[in-house]
Amino acid sequence: MKKLVAFITSGYPEKSFSIDLALALGESGVDTLELGVPFSDPVADGPLIEKATHKALELGFKFEHLLEISKAVAPKVDTLWMGYFNSFYQQNMEKLIPLAKEIGVNGLIIPDLPHEEALNYSKLFKDNSVSNISFVAPTDSDERIKEIVQDAQKFIYMVAYTGITGTGVSEDLQPFLSSIKKHAQTPVYVGFGVNAKTAKEKAKGADGVIVGSAFVDILLKDELNYSQKIAQCSDLAKIIKNEINI
């Protein structure tokens, strides 16, 4: 059974909604939840996630809200934090990673933390049984892929193309996927541009998919009330989970 990872913007439109949505997604086929940490300069995110991020910050998002959401969600859904390194660094990594473990958060995804710098925190993550998810991109050489994935934990985040999330570019992922799998036993999940229409194709040969912009697009629809947003996100999760497993 291939896995579905769902990204949502923490605290948008409000903390209690994030909790309700996260739990509903967990009941709708989502295997792992990425709680996105709003940041003022989300350089790797597409326009939808960037818009939701800025709205969350305008509404007063604080890091403590992420902790509160996580405490409610992590006991029931496999939970990761997705954010830019500065957000985590400001919290003091030596204190934050043990806190993540205490809450039940199983890993961090930090797109702007280079592999070489991430190695400085390897012991901290390992000692607390918290994963630091590895990224590989089409621009990485075979030698670099081998270096990045040799100690990959939980899953490898395979960037489906170079650029930003949510643009849905089509490409042949099989050569890239093969180059990763020959160096690692860790599951490989495909992210960037995955939605209901592309999920089946993107999932070929992979162990799972990561979906963000497709969910956030629903959250940004002002004409929907909270219940409708949750219902549409839940339906989308069911559709994608079915698509990647038929």
C-alpha atoms as a PDB file:
ATOM      1  CA  MET A   1       0.000   0.000   0.000  1.00  0.00           C
ATOM      2  CA  LYS A   2       1.534   3.293  -1.106  1.00  0.00           C
ATOM      3  CA  LYS A   3       1.522   6.094   1.438  1.00  0.00           C
ATOM      4  CA  LEU A   4      -0.086   9.515   1.328  1.00  0.00           C
ATOM      5  CA  VAL A   5       1.550  12.470   3.075  1.00  0.00           C
ATOM      6  CA  ALA A   6      -0.556  15.628   3.379  1.00  0.00           C
ATOM      7  CA  PHE A   7       0.746  19.132   4.031  1.00  0.00           C
ATOM      8  CA  ILE A   8      -1.417  21.778   5.691  1.00  0.00           C
ATOM      9  CA  THR A   9      -0.522  25.306   6.797  1.00  0.00           C
ATOM     10  CA  SER A  10      -0.578  25.350  10.587  1.00  0.00           C
ATOM     11  CA  GLY A  11      -2.878  27.925  12.121  1.00  0.00           C
ATOM     12  CA  TYR A  12      -4.684  28.845   8.916  1.00  0.00           C
ATOM     13  CA  PRO A  13      -7.344  29.972   9.160  1.00  0.00           C
ATOM     14  CA  GLU A  14      -7.077  29.253  12.893  1.00  0.00           C
ATOM     15  CA  LYS A  15      -5.581  26.788  15.363  1.00  0.00           C
ATOM     16  CA  SER A  16      -8.748  24.839  16.175  1.00  0.00           C
ATOM     17  CA  PHE A  17      -9.495  24.405  12.466  1.00  0.00           C
ATOM     18  CA  SER A  18      -6.008  22.992  11.875  1.00  0.00           C
ATOM     19  CA  ILE A  19      -6.609  20.418  14.594  1.00  0.00           C
ATOM     20  CA  ASP A  20     -10.012  19.405  13.224  1.00  0.00           C
ATOM     21  CA  LEU A  21      -8.670  19.210   9.662  1.00  0.00           C
ATOM     22  CA  ALA A  22      -5.614  17.181  10.657  1.00  0.00           C
ATOM     23  CA  LEU A  23      -7.690  14.611  12.523  1.00  0.00           C
ATOM     24  CA  ALA A  24     -10.179  14.371   9.644  1.00  0.00           C
ATOM     25  CA  LEU A  25      -7.356  13.794   7.156  1.00  0.00           C
ATOM     26  CA  GLY A  26      -6.000  11.036   9.376  1.00  0.00           C
ATOM     27  CA  GLU A  27      -9.393   9.343   9.141  1.00  0.00           C
ATOM     28  CA  SER A  28      -9.522   9.795   5.355  1.00  0.00           C
ATOM     29  CA  GLY A  29      -6.452   7.850   4.276  1.00  0.00           C
ATOM     30  CA  VAL A  30      -3.604  10.242   5.087  1.00  0.00           C
ATOM     31  CA  ASP A  31      -0.728   8.214   6.549  1.00  0.00           C
ATOM     32  CA  THR A  32       1.509  11.118   7.573  1.00  0.00           C
ATOM     33  CA  LEU A  33       0.695  14.751   8.215  1.00  0.00           C
ATOM     34  CA  GLU A  34       3.075  17.640   7.533  1.00  0.00           C
ATOM     35  CA  LEU A  35       2.268  20.590   9.740  1.00  0.00           C
ATOM     36  CA  GLY A  36       3.646  23.537   7.796  1.00  0.00           C
ATOM     37  CA  VAL A  37       5.275  26.256   9.890  1.00  0.00           C
ATOM     38  CA  PRO A  38       4.377  29.704   8.488  1.00  0.00           C
ATOM     39  CA  PHE A  39       7.503  31.687   7.613  1.00  0.00           C
ATOM     40  CA  SER A  40       7.870  35.175   6.142  1.00  0.00           C
ATOM     41  CA  ASP A  41      10.037  34.120   3.176  1.00  0.00           C
ATOM     42  CA  PRO A  42       8.898  30.662   1.957  1.00  0.00           C
ATOM     43  CA  VAL A  43      11.323  30.416  -0.966  1.00  0.00           C
ATOM     44  CA  ALA A  44      10.531  26.810  -1.967  1.00  0.00           C
ATOM     45  CA  ASP A  45       6.748  27.135  -1.822  1.00  0.00           C
ATOM     46  CA  GLY A  46       4.404  27.900  -4.655  1.00  0.00           C
ATOM     47  CA  PRO A  47       1.914  30.780  -4.690  1.00  0.00           C
ATOM     48  CA  LEU A  48      -0.887  28.914  -2.906  1.00  0.00           C
ATOM     49  CA  ILE A  49       1.153  27.817   0.092  1.00  0.00           C
ATOM     50  CA  GLU A  50       2.901  31.183   0.183  1.00  0.00           C
ATOM     51  CA  LYS A  51      -0.476  32.934   0.285  1.00  0.00           C
ATOM     52  CA  ALA A  52      -1.756  30.725   3.107  1.00  0.00           C
ATOM     53  CA  THR A  53       1.513  31.211   4.981  1.00  0.00           C
ATOM     54  CA  HIS A  54       1.280  34.984   4.812  1.00  0.00           C
ATOM     55  CA  LYS A  55      -2.386  34.909   5.825  1.00  0.00           C
ATOM     56  CA  ALA A  56      -1.545  32.744   8.855  1.00  0.00           C
ATOM     57  CA  LEU A  57       1.145  35.210   9.921  1.00  0.00           C
ATOM     58  CA  GLU A  58      -1.229  38.132   9.428  1.00  0.00           C
ATOM     59  CA  LEU A  59      -3.743  36.349  11.661  1.00  0.00           C
ATOM     60  CA  GLY A  60      -1.125  36.141  14.407  1.00  0.00           C
ATOM     61  CA  PHE A  61       0.429  32.684  14.042  1.00  0.00           C
ATOM     62  CA  LYS A  62       3.052  31.959  16.705  1.00  0.00           C
ATOM     63  CA  PHE A  63       5.321  28.929  17.070  1.00  0.00           C
ATOM     64  CA  GLU A  64       3.489  28.025  20.271  1.00  0.00           C
ATOM     65  CA  HIS A  65       0.384  27.454  18.133  1.00  0.00           C
ATOM     66  CA  LEU A  66       2.280  24.759  16.219  1.00  0.00           C
ATOM     67  CA  LEU A  67       3.077  23.067  19.527  1.00  0.00           C
ATOM     68  CA  GLU A  68      -0.554  23.194  20.624  1.00  0.00           C
ATOM     69  CA  ILE A  69      -1.779  21.772  17.314  1.00  0.00           C
ATOM     70  CA  SER A  70       0.876  19.054  17.458  1.00  0.00           C
ATOM     71  CA  LYS A  71      -0.078  18.002  20.986  1.00  0.00           C
ATOM     72  CA  ALA A  72      -3.656  17.449  19.832  1.00  0.00           C
ATOM     73  CA  VAL A  73      -2.784  15.695  16.577  1.00  0.00           C
ATOM     74  CA  ALA A  74       0.457  13.710  17.032  1.00  0.00           C
ATOM     75  CA  PRO A  75      -1.031  11.039  19.354  1.00  0.00           C
ATOM     76  CA  LYS A  76      -3.515  10.133  16.603  1.00  0.00           C
ATOM     77  CA  VAL A  77      -1.766  10.850  13.276  1.00  0.00           C
ATOM     78  CA  ASP A  78       1.878  10.349  12.293  1.00  0.00           C
ATOM     79  CA  THR A  79       3.062  13.960  12.417  1.00  0.00           C
ATOM     80  CA  LEU A  80       6.006  15.885  10.961  1.00  0.00           C
ATOM     81  CA  TRP A  81       6.949  19.549  11.094  1.00  0.00           C
ATOM     82  CA  MET A  82       7.697  21.164   7.734  1.00  0.00           C
ATOM     83  CA  GLY A  83       9.422  24.513   7.876  1.00  0.00           C
ATOM     84  CA  TYR A  84      12.402  26.691   7.109  1.00  0.00           C
ATOM     85  CA  PHE A  85      15.452  26.318   9.293  1.00  0.00           C
ATOM     86  CA  ASN A  86      15.282  29.768  10.854  1.00  0.00           C
ATOM     87  CA  SER A  87      11.890  28.932  12.387  1.00  0.00           C
ATOM     88  CA  PHE A  88      13.385  25.954  14.195  1.00  0.00           C
ATOM     89  CA  TYR A  89      16.778  27.507  14.936  1.00  0.00           C
ATOM     90  CA  GLN A  90      15.139  30.390  16.796  1.00  0.00           C
ATOM     91  CA  GLN A  91      13.563  27.865  19.158  1.00  0.00           C
ATOM     92  CA  ASN A  92      17.000  26.376  20.042  1.00  0.00           C
ATOM     93  CA  MET A  93      17.420  23.016  18.331  1.00  0.00           C
ATOM     94  CA  GLU A  94      18.920  21.442  21.470  1.00  0.00           C
ATOM     95  CA  LYS A  95      15.619  22.062  23.251  1.00  0.00           C
ATOM     96  CA  LEU A  96      13.259  21.758  20.307  1.00  0.00           C
ATOM     97  CA  ILE A  97      14.104  18.242  19.132  1.00  0.00           C
ATOM     98  CA  PRO A  98      13.614  16.668  22.600  1.00  0.00           C
ATOM     99  CA  LEU A  99      10.348  18.627  22.818  1.00  0.00           C
ATOM    100  CA  ALA A 100       9.252  17.226  19.449  1.00  0.00           C
ATOM    101  CA  LYS A 101       9.884  13.730  20.768  1.00  0.00           C
ATOM    102  CA  GLU A 102       7.943  14.479  23.951  1.00  0.00           C
ATOM    103  CA  ILE A 103       4.962  15.743  21.967  1.00  0.00           C
ATOM    104  CA  GLY A 104       5.095  12.768  19.606  1.00  0.00           C
ATOM    105  CA  VAL A 105       6.272  14.527  16.457  1.00  0.00           C
ATOM    106  CA  ASN A 106       8.268  11.980  14.470  1.00  0.00           C
ATOM    107  CA  GLY A 107      10.342  14.138  12.167  1.00  0.00           C
ATOM    108  CA  LEU A 108      11.217  17.467  10.597  1.00  0.00           C
ATOM    109  CA  ILE A 109      11.335  18.476   6.950  1.00  0.00           C
ATOM    110  CA  ILE A 110      13.624  21.477   6.424  1.00  0.00           C
ATOM    111  CA  PRO A 111      13.930  22.348   2.713  1.00  0.00           C
ATOM    112  CA  ASP A 112      16.541  25.084   3.116  1.00  0.00           C
ATOM    113  CA  LEU A 113      18.950  23.135   5.346  1.00  0.00           C
ATOM    114  CA  PRO A 114      21.759  21.754   3.144  1.00  0.00           C
ATOM    115  CA  HIS A 115      22.814  18.165   3.711  1.00  0.00           C
ATOM    116  CA  GLU A 116      26.249  19.190   4.965  1.00  0.00           C
ATOM    117  CA  GLU A 117      24.782  21.484   7.615  1.00  0.00           C
ATOM    118  CA  ALA A 118      22.139  18.939   8.578  1.00  0.00           C
ATOM    119  CA  LEU A 119      24.950  16.551   9.535  1.00  0.00           C
ATOM    120  CA  ASN A 120      25.747  18.866  12.464  1.00  0.00           C
ATOM    121  CA  TYR A 121      22.419  17.854  13.997  1.00  0.00           C
ATOM    122  CA  SER A 122      22.513  14.138  13.175  1.00  0.00           C
ATOM    123  CA  LYS A 123      23.298  13.021  16.724  1.00  0.00           C
ATOM    124  CA  LEU A 124      20.617  15.285  18.182  1.00  0.00           C
ATOM    125  CA  PHE A 125      17.975  13.800  15.892  1.00  0.00           C
ATOM    126  CA  LYS A 126      19.185  10.235  16.388  1.00  0.00           C
ATOM    127  CA  ASP A 127      19.383  10.476  20.196  1.00  0.00           C
ATOM    128  CA  ASN A 128      15.761  11.611  20.282  1.00  0.00           C
ATOM    129  CA  SER A 129      14.457   9.170  17.637  1.00  0.00           C
ATOM    130  CA  VAL A 130      13.243  12.087  15.519  1.00  0.00           C
ATOM    131  CA  SER A 131      13.862  11.888  11.770  1.00  0.00           C
ATOM    132  CA  ASN A 132      15.398  14.641   9.687  1.00  0.00           C
ATOM    133  CA  ILE A 133      13.917  13.953   6.264  1.00  0.00           C
ATOM    134  CA  SER A 134      16.395  13.940   3.360  1.00  0.00           C
ATOM    135  CA  PHE A 135      15.698  15.731   0.071  1.00  0.00           C
ATOM    136  CA  VAL A 136      16.987  14.720  -3.341  1.00  0.00           C
ATOM    137  CA  ALA A 137      16.459  16.771  -6.498  1.00  0.00           C
ATOM    138  CA  PRO A 138      16.891  16.091 -10.229  1.00  0.00           C
ATOM    139  CA  THR A 139      19.939  18.365 -10.238  1.00  0.00           C
ATOM    140  CA  ASP A 140      21.808  16.094  -7.793  1.00  0.00           C
ATOM    141  CA  SER A 141      24.538  13.910  -9.258  1.00  0.00           C
ATOM    142  CA  ASP A 142      24.536  10.168  -8.677  1.00  0.00           C
ATOM    143  CA  GLU A 143      27.421  10.575  -6.244  1.00  0.00           C
ATOM    144  CA  ARG A 144      25.559  13.236  -4.297  1.00  0.00           C
ATOM    145  CA  ILE A 145      22.362  11.195  -4.192  1.00  0.00           C
ATOM    146  CA  LYS A 146      24.336   8.302  -2.704  1.00  0.00           C
ATOM    147  CA  GLU A 147      25.803  10.605  -0.058  1.00  0.00           C
ATOM    148  CA  ILE A 148      22.441  12.142   0.880  1.00  0.00           C
ATOM    149  CA  VAL A 149      20.397   8.948   1.111  1.00  0.00           C
ATOM    150  CA  GLN A 150      22.874   6.604   2.793  1.00  0.00           C
ATOM    151  CA  ASP A 151      21.535   7.455   6.251  1.00  0.00           C
ATOM    152  CA  ALA A 152      18.050   8.630   5.230  1.00  0.00           C
ATOM    153  CA  GLN A 153      15.374   8.150   7.871  1.00  0.00           C
ATOM    154  CA  LYS A 154      11.648   7.445   7.592  1.00  0.00           C
ATOM    155  CA  PHE A 155      11.419   8.348   3.904  1.00  0.00           C
ATOM    156  CA  ILE A 156      13.331  10.182   1.193  1.00  0.00           C
ATOM    157  CA  TYR A 157      11.640  13.305  -0.151  1.00  0.00           C
ATOM    158  CA  MET A 158      12.063  13.094  -3.909  1.00  0.00           C
ATOM    159  CA  VAL A 159      11.549  16.497  -5.510  1.00  0.00           C
ATOM    160  CA  ALA A 160       9.664  15.744  -8.709  1.00  0.00           C
ATOM    161  CA  TYR A 161      11.259  18.619 -10.607  1.00  0.00           C
ATOM    162  CA  THR A 162      13.383  21.673 -10.013  1.00  0.00           C
ATOM    163  CA  GLY A 163      11.453  24.735  -8.983  1.00  0.00           C
ATOM    164  CA  ILE A 164       8.668  25.469  -6.545  1.00  0.00           C
ATOM    165  CA  THR A 165       5.753  23.421  -5.297  1.00  0.00           C
ATOM    166  CA  GLY A 166       2.328  23.356  -6.843  1.00  0.00           C
ATOM    167  CA  THR A 167       3.055  23.931 -10.537  1.00  0.00           C
ATOM    168  CA  GLY A 168       2.250  20.386 -11.678  1.00  0.00           C
ATOM    169  CA  VAL A 169       4.980  20.068 -14.295  1.00  0.00           C
ATOM    170  CA  SER A 170       4.975  16.697 -16.063  1.00  0.00           C
ATOM    171  CA  GLU A 171       8.180  14.726 -16.541  1.00  0.00           C
ATOM    172  CA  ASP A 172       9.570  11.193 -16.640  1.00  0.00           C
ATOM    173  CA  LEU A 173      10.587  10.435 -13.068  1.00  0.00           C
ATOM    174  CA  GLN A 174      11.698   6.845 -13.564  1.00  0.00           C
ATOM    175  CA  PRO A 175      15.436   7.408 -14.254  1.00  0.00           C
ATOM    176  CA  PHE A 176      15.664   9.730 -11.257  1.00  0.00           C
ATOM    177  CA  LEU A 177      13.737   7.296  -9.074  1.00  0.00           C
ATOM    178  CA  SER A 178      15.983   4.414 -10.105  1.00  0.00           C
ATOM    179  CA  SER A 179      19.094   6.398  -9.243  1.00  0.00           C
ATOM    180  CA  ILE A 180      17.775   6.918  -5.718  1.00  0.00           C
ATOM    181  CA  LYS A 181      16.581   3.376  -5.127  1.00  0.00           C
ATOM    182  CA  LYS A 182      19.873   1.798  -6.098  1.00  0.00           C
ATOM    183  CA  HIS A 183      21.512   3.585  -3.164  1.00  0.00           C
ATOM    184  CA  ALA A 184      18.861   3.252  -0.445  1.00  0.00           C
ATOM    185  CA  GLN A 185      16.374   0.870   1.131  1.00  0.00           C
ATOM    186  CA  THR A 186      14.479   3.802   2.649  1.00  0.00           C
ATOM    187  CA  PRO A 187      11.036   4.432   1.083  1.00  0.00           C
ATOM    188  CA  VAL A 188      10.946   7.158  -1.569  1.00  0.00           C
ATOM    189  CA  TYR A 189       8.011   9.587  -1.632  1.00  0.00           C
ATOM    190  CA  VAL A 190       7.401  11.953  -4.542  1.00  0.00           C
ATOM    191  CA  GLY A 191       6.547  15.574  -3.801  1.00  0.00           C
ATOM    192  CA  PHE A 192       5.958  18.794  -5.779  1.00  0.00           C
ATOM    193  CA  GLY A 193       3.068  19.023  -8.233  1.00  0.00           C
ATOM    194  CA  VAL A 194       1.078  16.055  -6.899  1.00  0.00           C
ATOM    195  CA  ASN A 195      -2.709  16.377  -7.079  1.00  0.00           C
ATOM    196  CA  ALA A 196      -5.752  14.252  -7.934  1.00  0.00           C
ATOM    197  CA  LYS A 197      -4.905  14.360 -11.653  1.00  0.00           C
ATOM    198  CA  THR A 198      -1.169  13.687 -11.400  1.00  0.00           C
ATOM    199  CA  ALA A 199      -0.938  11.389  -8.364  1.00  0.00           C
ATOM    200  CA  LYS A 200      -1.259   8.071 -10.197  1.00  0.00           C
ATOM    201  CA  GLU A 201       1.492   8.924 -12.681  1.00  0.00           C
ATOM    202  CA  LYS A 202       3.790  10.494 -10.079  1.00  0.00           C
ATOM    203  CA  ALA A 203       3.440   7.465  -7.792  1.00  0.00           C
ATOM    204  CA  LYS A 204       4.749   4.993 -10.387  1.00  0.00           C
ATOM    205  CA  GLY A 205       7.735   3.205  -8.897  1.00  0.00           C
ATOM    206  CA  ALA A 206       7.593   5.299  -5.719  1.00  0.00           C
ATOM    207  CA  ASP A 207       6.484   4.282  -2.242  1.00  0.00           C
ATOM    208  CA  GLY A 208       4.238   7.260  -1.654  1.00  0.00           C
ATOM    209  CA  VAL A 209       3.319  10.812  -2.590  1.00  0.00           C
ATOM    210  CA  ILE A 210       3.400  14.154  -0.781  1.00  0.00           C
ATOM    211  CA  VAL A 211       0.510  16.530  -1.443  1.00  0.00           C
ATOM    212  CA  GLY A 212       0.440  20.150  -0.310  1.00  0.00           C
ATOM    213  CA  SER A 213      -0.857  22.802  -2.698  1.00  0.00           C
ATOM    214  CA  ALA A 214      -3.931  20.758  -3.630  1.00  0.00           C
ATOM    215  CA  PHE A 215      -5.083  20.794   0.006  1.00  0.00           C
ATOM    216  CA  VAL A 216      -4.094  24.392   0.648  1.00  0.00           C
ATOM    217  CA  ASP A 217      -6.034  25.479  -2.443  1.00  0.00           C
ATOM    218  CA  ILE A 218      -9.193  24.284  -0.692  1.00  0.00           C
ATOM    219  CA  LEU A 219      -8.270  26.107   2.513  1.00  0.00           C
ATOM    220  CA  LEU A 220      -7.991  29.375   0.596  1.00  0.00           C
ATOM    221  CA  LYS A 221     -11.541  29.221  -0.811  1.00  0.00           C
ATOM    222  CA  ASP A 222     -13.333  31.958   1.093  1.00  0.00           C
ATOM    223  CA  GLU A 223     -16.734  30.842  -0.199  1.00  0.00           C
ATOM    224  CA  LEU A 224     -16.474  27.612   1.822  1.00  0.00           C
ATOM    225  CA  ASN A 225     -17.168  27.369   5.530  1.00  0.00           C
ATOM    226  CA  TYR A 226     -14.929  25.331   7.823  1.00  0.00           C
ATOM    227  CA  SER A 227     -17.012  22.169   7.561  1.00  0.00           C
ATOM    228  CA  GLN A 228     -17.034  22.352   3.775  1.00  0.00           C
ATOM    229  CA  LYS A 229     -13.274  22.850   3.641  1.00  0.00           C
ATOM    230  CA  ILE A 230     -12.701  19.825   5.854  1.00  0.00           C
ATOM    231  CA  ALA A 231     -15.136  17.737   3.803  1.00  0.00           C
ATOM    232  CA  GLN A 232     -13.460  18.668   0.509  1.00  0.00           C
ATOM    233  CA  CYS A 233      -9.963  17.997   1.882  1.00  0.00           C
ATOM    234  CA  SER A 234     -11.115  14.629   3.219  1.00  0.00           C
ATOM    235  CA  ASP A 235     -12.644  13.707  -0.125  1.00  0.00           C
ATOM    236  CA  LEU A 236      -9.447  14.730  -1.927  1.00  0.00           C
ATOM    237  CA  ALA A 237      -7.369  12.567   0.417  1.00  0.00           C
ATOM    238  CA  LYS A 238      -9.577   9.553  -0.306  1.00  0.00           C
ATOM    239  CA  ILE A 239      -9.375  10.139  -4.052  1.00  0.00           C
ATOM    240  CA  ILE A 240      -5.586  10.457  -4.100  1.00  0.00           C
ATOM    241  CA  LYS A 241      -5.060   7.479  -1.790  1.00  0.00           C
ATOM    242  CA  ASN A 242      -7.195   5.404  -4.154  1.00  0.00           C
ATOM    243  CA  GLU A 243      -5.433   6.727  -7.266  1.00  0.00           C
ATOM    244  CA  ILE A 244      -1.966   5.796  -6.060  1.00  0.00           C
ATOM    245  CA  ASN A 245      -3.045   2.293  -5.091  1.00  0.00           C
ATOM    246  CA  ILE A 246      -4.950   1.105  -8.162  1.00  0.00           C
END
